[in-house]
Protein backbone atom coordinates (compact mmCIF):
# COMPACT_ATOMS: atom_id res chain seq x y z
CA MET A 1 0.00 0.00 0.00
CA GLY A 2 2.94 2.35 0.61
CA THR A 3 1.11 4.65 3.02
CA ALA A 4 1.43 4.23 6.76
CA LEU A 5 -1.85 3.04 8.20
CA LYS A 6 -3.30 3.94 11.57
CA ARG A 7 -5.20 1.31 13.51
CA THR A 8 -8.73 2.08 14.67
CA THR A 9 -11.54 0.07 16.20
CA ILE A 10 -15.16 0.04 15.15
CA PHE A 11 -18.09 -1.87 16.55
CA LEU A 12 -20.46 -3.67 14.21
CA THR A 13 -23.56 -5.65 14.91
CA GLN A 14 -23.29 -9.38 14.29
CA GLU A 15 -25.35 -8.95 11.12
CA GLN A 16 -23.22 -6.08 9.82
CA HIS A 17 -20.05 -8.05 10.49
CA GLU A 18 -21.36 -11.12 8.68
CA ARG A 19 -22.57 -9.13 5.68
CA LEU A 20 -19.24 -7.30 5.45
CA ARG A 21 -17.34 -10.59 5.76
CA ARG A 22 -19.39 -12.14 2.96
CA LEU A 23 -18.95 -9.10 0.73
CA ALA A 24 -15.20 -9.14 1.27
CA PHE A 25 -15.12 -12.84 0.41
CA GLU A 26 -17.19 -12.31 -2.75
CA GLN A 27 -14.97 -9.43 -3.86
CA ARG A 28 -11.81 -11.31 -2.88
CA THR A 29 -10.62 -8.50 -0.66
CA SER A 30 -10.40 -7.78 3.03
CA MET A 31 -13.01 -6.32 5.33
CA ALA A 32 -10.48 -3.62 6.22
CA LYS A 33 -10.13 -2.57 2.58
CA LEU A 34 -13.90 -2.36 2.17
CA LEU A 35 -14.11 -0.16 5.26
CA ARG A 36 -11.20 2.05 4.12
CA ASP A 37 -12.87 2.46 0.72
CA ALA A 38 -16.19 3.35 2.35
CA ALA A 39 -14.49 5.89 4.63
CA LEU A 40 -12.73 7.44 1.63
CA GLU A 41 -16.07 7.78 -0.18
CA ILE A 42 -17.55 9.62 2.80
CA LEU A 43 -14.55 11.95 3.06
CA GLU A 44 -14.59 12.72 -0.68
CA ASP A 45 -18.35 13.33 -0.63
CA GLU A 46 -17.94 15.74 2.28
CA GLU A 47 -15.20 17.60 0.44
CA ASP A 48 -17.38 17.84 -2.69
CA ILE A 49 -20.30 19.17 -0.63
CA ARG A 50 -18.10 21.82 1.01
CA GLU A 51 -16.71 22.92 -2.36
CA GLY A 52 -20.20 23.03 -3.86
CA LEU A 53 -21.56 25.13 -1.02
CA LYS A 54 -18.63 27.49 -1.35
CA VAL A 55 -19.41 27.99 -5.05
CA LEU A 56 -23.09 28.55 -4.30
CA GLU A 57 -22.21 31.30 -1.82
CA ASP A 58 -20.53 33.30 -4.60
CA ARG A 59 -23.44 35.26 -6.06
CA ARG A 60 -21.36 37.54 -8.32
CA GLY A 61 -22.87 37.74 -11.79
CA THR A 62 -26.13 36.09 -10.80
CA LEU A 63 -29.67 37.37 -11.13
CA ASP A 64 -32.62 36.75 -8.89
CA TRP A 65 -35.64 35.12 -10.52
CA GLU A 66 -37.68 38.31 -10.81
CA THR A 67 -34.83 40.19 -12.54
CA PHE A 68 -34.21 37.26 -14.90
CA LYS A 69 -37.87 37.10 -15.89
CA ARG A 70 -38.01 40.84 -16.50
CA GLU A 71 -34.74 41.05 -18.46
CA HIS A 72 -34.85 37.80 -20.42
CA LEU A 73 -38.47 36.78 -20.67
CA GLY A 74 -40.12 40.18 -20.81
CA LEU A 75 -42.46 39.30 -17.97
């Protein structure tokens, strides 16, 4: 893997553990890799959300709906 890993502990229900174990077996990977991949997805989603919200806050060059209708639709 090349990157130093940090050990952590999580608690799963018996059912969650069994489902994760089966999925890892089916995908021929480890439960740890599945959990790392899932954690990475969450972190990347959070980063995307933060970046999206930041862009939405920038209102330069935007029009409100009433101004748009008046200027572009003649309403």
